[in-house]
């Protein structure tokens, strides 16, 4: 199929780029950037994984999102302005700020999650359950390979 390793590598990169482009086009919320929706998904995940009455600690979001502190602050400001999240000060430590969803934010993330799940059900219906399971196994295997390779470079 591919005579040269360069052809294979090029084909993998092209497939990933085409997938990313198609994914961006199919999963869109009017009035919100992809970064904002991603931030809301991570906040939702953080609230589920570490339930705290104050919310998710702002300092924890940068590492979760793999972005800088200024980027986190910029996202928080934009999402606060849109009425989707609110900051909560820790009464015991005024330096620590936490985030929670507003009612509007709760509704948006619930809708995004529903759309996200529906999208994957549609994909499964399109390619079939067996191919979907094969895709998951291959992506997990590739992720393990890339993580191991990154760890070996660090060592």
C-alpha atoms as a PDB file:
ATOM      1  CA  UNK A   1       0.000   0.000   0.000  1.00  0.00           C
ATOM      2  CA  UNK A   2       2.693   2.513   1.060  1.00  0.00           C
ATOM      3  CA  UNK A   3       6.078   1.818  -0.476  1.00  0.00           C
ATOM      4  CA  UNK A   4       8.054   4.296   1.623  1.00  0.00           C
ATOM      5  CA  UNK A   5       7.872   5.110   5.344  1.00  0.00           C
ATOM      6  CA  UNK A   6       7.604   8.811   4.404  1.00  0.00           C
ATOM      7  CA  UNK A   7       4.394   8.048   2.489  1.00  0.00           C
ATOM      8  CA  UNK A   8       2.949   6.257   5.510  1.00  0.00           C
ATOM      9  CA  UNK A   9       3.876   9.111   7.847  1.00  0.00           C
ATOM     10  CA  UNK A  10       2.423  11.650   5.449  1.00  0.00           C
ATOM     11  CA  UNK A  11      -0.802   9.628   5.224  1.00  0.00           C
ATOM     12  CA  UNK A  12      -1.131   9.447   9.021  1.00  0.00           C
ATOM     13  CA  UNK A  13      -0.598  13.198   9.390  1.00  0.00           C
ATOM     14  CA  UNK A  14      -3.050  13.918   6.571  1.00  0.00           C
ATOM     15  CA  UNK A  15      -5.664  11.615   8.161  1.00  0.00           C
ATOM     16  CA  UNK A  16      -5.272  13.333  11.557  1.00  0.00           C
ATOM     17  CA  UNK A  17      -5.510  16.808   9.991  1.00  0.00           C
ATOM     18  CA  UNK A  18      -8.582  15.843   7.977  1.00  0.00           C
ATOM     19  CA  UNK A  19     -10.202  14.357  11.077  1.00  0.00           C
ATOM     20  CA  UNK A  20      -9.439  17.472  13.141  1.00  0.00           C
ATOM     21  CA  UNK A  21     -10.845  19.757  10.443  1.00  0.00           C
ATOM     22  CA  UNK A  22     -14.030  17.674  10.152  1.00  0.00           C
ATOM     23  CA  UNK A  23     -14.385  17.473  13.933  1.00  0.00           C
ATOM     24  CA  UNK A  24     -14.087  21.256  14.279  1.00  0.00           C
ATOM     25  CA  UNK A  25     -16.782  21.762  11.655  1.00  0.00           C
ATOM     26  CA  UNK A  26     -19.183  19.222  13.157  1.00  0.00           C
ATOM     27  CA  UNK A  27     -18.893  20.210  16.838  1.00  0.00           C
ATOM     28  CA  UNK A  28     -19.602  23.923  17.086  1.00  0.00           C
ATOM     29  CA  UNK A  29     -21.570  26.101  19.496  1.00  0.00           C
ATOM     30  CA  UNK A  30     -22.706  29.415  18.097  1.00  0.00           C
ATOM     31  CA  UNK A  31     -21.232  32.323  20.044  1.00  0.00           C
ATOM     32  CA  UNK A  32     -18.493  30.289  21.748  1.00  0.00           C
ATOM     33  CA  UNK A  33     -14.953  29.472  20.716  1.00  0.00           C
ATOM     34  CA  UNK A  34     -13.564  25.935  20.769  1.00  0.00           C
ATOM     35  CA  UNK A  35     -11.238  27.012  23.572  1.00  0.00           C
ATOM     36  CA  UNK A  36     -14.189  28.222  25.650  1.00  0.00           C
ATOM     37  CA  UNK A  37     -16.112  24.978  25.169  1.00  0.00           C
ATOM     38  CA  UNK A  38     -12.964  22.972  25.965  1.00  0.00           C
ATOM     39  CA  UNK A  39     -12.494  25.046  29.137  1.00  0.00           C
ATOM     40  CA  UNK A  40     -16.101  24.359  30.164  1.00  0.00           C
ATOM     41  CA  UNK A  41     -15.636  20.613  29.554  1.00  0.00           C
ATOM     42  CA  UNK A  42     -12.513  20.616  31.743  1.00  0.00           C
ATOM     43  CA  UNK A  43     -14.285  22.594  34.462  1.00  0.00           C
ATOM     44  CA  UNK A  44     -17.155  20.100  34.350  1.00  0.00           C
ATOM     45  CA  UNK A  45     -14.671  17.221  34.564  1.00  0.00           C
ATOM     46  CA  UNK A  46     -12.847  18.894  37.455  1.00  0.00           C
ATOM     47  CA  UNK A  47     -16.084  19.443  39.364  1.00  0.00           C
ATOM     48  CA  UNK A  48     -17.064  15.794  38.872  1.00  0.00           C
ATOM     49  CA  UNK A  49     -13.659  14.339  39.743  1.00  0.00           C
ATOM     50  CA  UNK A  50     -12.985  16.487  42.813  1.00  0.00           C
ATOM     51  CA  UNK A  51     -16.266  17.628  44.317  1.00  0.00           C
ATOM     52  CA  UNK A  52     -15.657  20.671  46.477  1.00  0.00           C
ATOM     53  CA  UNK A  53     -18.334  23.060  47.666  1.00  0.00           C
ATOM     54  CA  UNK A  54     -16.179  25.972  46.498  1.00  0.00           C
ATOM     55  CA  UNK A  55     -15.662  24.541  42.996  1.00  0.00           C
ATOM     56  CA  UNK A  56     -12.491  23.875  41.017  1.00  0.00           C
ATOM     57  CA  UNK A  57      -9.361  25.697  42.146  1.00  0.00           C
ATOM     58  CA  UNK A  58      -8.271  28.157  39.461  1.00  0.00           C
ATOM     59  CA  UNK A  59      -4.615  27.182  39.960  1.00  0.00           C
ATOM     60  CA  UNK A  60      -5.447  23.592  38.939  1.00  0.00           C
ATOM     61  CA  UNK A  61      -6.952  24.532  35.561  1.00  0.00           C
ATOM     62  CA  UNK A  62      -3.728  25.471  33.763  1.00  0.00           C
ATOM     63  CA  UNK A  63      -2.186  22.016  34.168  1.00  0.00           C
ATOM     64  CA  UNK A  64      -5.514  20.337  33.319  1.00  0.00           C
ATOM     65  CA  UNK A  65      -5.767  22.320  30.078  1.00  0.00           C
ATOM     66  CA  UNK A  66      -2.009  22.387  29.362  1.00  0.00           C
ATOM     67  CA  UNK A  67      -2.091  26.184  29.036  1.00  0.00           C
ATOM     68  CA  UNK A  68      -0.357  29.096  30.774  1.00  0.00           C
ATOM     69  CA  UNK A  69      -1.768  31.065  33.718  1.00  0.00           C
ATOM     70  CA  UNK A  70      -2.423  34.131  31.517  1.00  0.00           C
ATOM     71  CA  UNK A  71      -4.434  31.934  29.111  1.00  0.00           C
ATOM     72  CA  UNK A  72      -6.490  30.572  32.012  1.00  0.00           C
ATOM     73  CA  UNK A  73      -7.153  34.100  33.266  1.00  0.00           C
ATOM     74  CA  UNK A  74      -8.179  35.226  29.775  1.00  0.00           C
ATOM     75  CA  UNK A  75     -10.617  32.306  29.451  1.00  0.00           C
ATOM     76  CA  UNK A  76     -12.059  32.902  32.921  1.00  0.00           C
ATOM     77  CA  UNK A  77     -12.625  36.585  32.167  1.00  0.00           C
ATOM     78  CA  UNK A  78     -14.337  35.798  28.853  1.00  0.00           C
ATOM     79  CA  UNK A  79     -16.566  33.100  30.358  1.00  0.00           C
ATOM     80  CA  UNK A  80     -17.449  35.276  33.357  1.00  0.00           C
ATOM     81  CA  UNK A  81     -18.395  38.096  30.995  1.00  0.00           C
ATOM     82  CA  UNK A  82     -20.678  35.676  29.117  1.00  0.00           C
ATOM     83  CA  UNK A  83     -22.304  34.701  32.421  1.00  0.00           C
ATOM     84  CA  UNK A  84     -21.240  31.022  32.286  1.00  0.00           C
ATOM     85  CA  UNK A  85     -18.971  30.763  35.330  1.00  0.00           C
ATOM     86  CA  UNK A  86     -18.404  32.555  38.607  1.00  0.00           C
ATOM     87  CA  UNK A  87     -15.362  32.945  40.825  1.00  0.00           C
ATOM     88  CA  UNK A  88     -15.558  32.065  44.487  1.00  0.00           C
ATOM     89  CA  UNK A  89     -12.962  33.296  46.981  1.00  0.00           C
ATOM     90  CA  UNK A  90     -11.855  30.832  49.621  1.00  0.00           C
ATOM     91  CA  UNK A  91     -12.851  32.485  52.910  1.00  0.00           C
ATOM     92  CA  UNK A  92      -9.931  30.766  54.679  1.00  0.00           C
ATOM     93  CA  UNK A  93      -7.318  31.661  52.037  1.00  0.00           C
ATOM     94  CA  UNK A  94      -8.062  34.879  50.140  1.00  0.00           C
ATOM     95  CA  UNK A  95      -5.351  34.040  47.568  1.00  0.00           C
ATOM     96  CA  UNK A  96      -7.176  30.899  46.436  1.00  0.00           C
ATOM     97  CA  UNK A  97      -9.978  31.350  43.912  1.00  0.00           C
ATOM     98  CA  UNK A  98     -12.384  28.666  42.740  1.00  0.00           C
ATOM     99  CA  UNK A  99     -14.745  28.369  39.789  1.00  0.00           C
ATOM    100  CA  UNK A 100     -18.300  27.144  39.531  1.00  0.00           C
ATOM    101  CA  UNK A 101     -20.876  27.169  36.760  1.00  0.00           C
ATOM    102  CA  UNK A 102     -23.679  29.670  36.768  1.00  0.00           C
ATOM    103  CA  UNK A 103     -27.152  28.370  35.891  1.00  0.00           C
ATOM    104  CA  UNK A 104     -26.555  29.505  32.287  1.00  0.00           C
ATOM    105  CA  UNK A 105     -23.216  27.675  32.270  1.00  0.00           C
ATOM    106  CA  UNK A 106     -24.821  24.491  33.646  1.00  0.00           C
ATOM    107  CA  UNK A 107     -27.378  24.544  30.822  1.00  0.00           C
ATOM    108  CA  UNK A 108     -24.713  25.123  28.158  1.00  0.00           C
ATOM    109  CA  UNK A 109     -22.412  22.346  29.379  1.00  0.00           C
ATOM    110  CA  UNK A 110     -25.344  19.930  29.665  1.00  0.00           C
ATOM    111  CA  UNK A 111     -26.252  20.730  26.053  1.00  0.00           C
ATOM    112  CA  UNK A 112     -22.619  20.374  24.926  1.00  0.00           C
ATOM    113  CA  UNK A 113     -22.279  17.003  26.649  1.00  0.00           C
ATOM    114  CA  UNK A 114     -25.519  15.808  25.079  1.00  0.00           C
ATOM    115  CA  UNK A 115     -24.348  16.931  21.616  1.00  0.00           C
ATOM    116  CA  UNK A 116     -20.934  15.341  22.202  1.00  0.00           C
ATOM    117  CA  UNK A 117     -22.475  11.972  23.137  1.00  0.00           C
ATOM    118  CA  UNK A 118     -24.899  12.117  20.217  1.00  0.00           C
ATOM    119  CA  UNK A 119     -22.008  12.826  17.875  1.00  0.00           C
ATOM    120  CA  UNK A 120     -20.213   9.671  19.003  1.00  0.00           C
ATOM    121  CA  UNK A 121     -23.373   7.585  18.716  1.00  0.00           C
ATOM    122  CA  UNK A 122     -23.769   8.898  15.170  1.00  0.00           C
ATOM    123  CA  UNK A 123     -20.142   7.974  14.436  1.00  0.00           C
ATOM    124  CA  UNK A 124     -20.707   4.489  15.816  1.00  0.00           C
ATOM    125  CA  UNK A 125     -23.808   4.102  13.662  1.00  0.00           C
ATOM    126  CA  UNK A 126     -21.864   5.283  10.616  1.00  0.00           C
ATOM    127  CA  UNK A 127     -18.744   3.106  10.955  1.00  0.00           C
ATOM    128  CA  UNK A 128     -20.245   0.285  12.992  1.00  0.00           C
ATOM    129  CA  UNK A 129     -19.656  -0.786  16.569  1.00  0.00           C
ATOM    130  CA  UNK A 130     -16.828  -3.201  15.728  1.00  0.00           C
ATOM    131  CA  UNK A 131     -14.871  -0.558  13.797  1.00  0.00           C
ATOM    132  CA  UNK A 132     -15.547   1.968  16.575  1.00  0.00           C
ATOM    133  CA  UNK A 133     -14.084  -0.454  19.129  1.00  0.00           C
ATOM    134  CA  UNK A 134     -11.093  -1.077  16.839  1.00  0.00           C
ATOM    135  CA  UNK A 135     -10.592   2.683  16.504  1.00  0.00           C
ATOM    136  CA  UNK A 136     -10.642   3.076  20.287  1.00  0.00           C
ATOM    137  CA  UNK A 137      -8.107   0.261  20.756  1.00  0.00           C
ATOM    138  CA  UNK A 138      -5.807   1.719  18.097  1.00  0.00           C
ATOM    139  CA  UNK A 139      -6.004   5.236  19.532  1.00  0.00           C
ATOM    140  CA  UNK A 140      -5.306   3.886  23.040  1.00  0.00           C
ATOM    141  CA  UNK A 141      -2.349   1.913  21.698  1.00  0.00           C
ATOM    142  CA  UNK A 142      -0.998   4.950  19.831  1.00  0.00           C
ATOM    143  CA  UNK A 143      -1.462   7.135  22.928  1.00  0.00           C
ATOM    144  CA  UNK A 144       0.476   4.622  25.049  1.00  0.00           C
ATOM    145  CA  UNK A 145       3.262   4.583  22.456  1.00  0.00           C
ATOM    146  CA  UNK A 146       3.498   8.383  22.328  1.00  0.00           C
ATOM    147  CA  UNK A 147       3.370   8.732  26.134  1.00  0.00           C
ATOM    148  CA  UNK A 148       6.101   6.104  26.561  1.00  0.00           C
ATOM    149  CA  UNK A 149       8.222   7.785  23.911  1.00  0.00           C
ATOM    150  CA  UNK A 150       7.814  11.175  25.641  1.00  0.00           C
ATOM    151  CA  UNK A 151       8.731   9.670  29.030  1.00  0.00           C
ATOM    152  CA  UNK A 152      11.834   8.031  27.600  1.00  0.00           C
ATOM    153  CA  UNK A 153      12.968  11.369  26.139  1.00  0.00           C
ATOM    154  CA  UNK A 154      12.540  13.031  29.536  1.00  0.00           C
ATOM    155  CA  UNK A 155      14.549  10.345  31.331  1.00  0.00           C
END
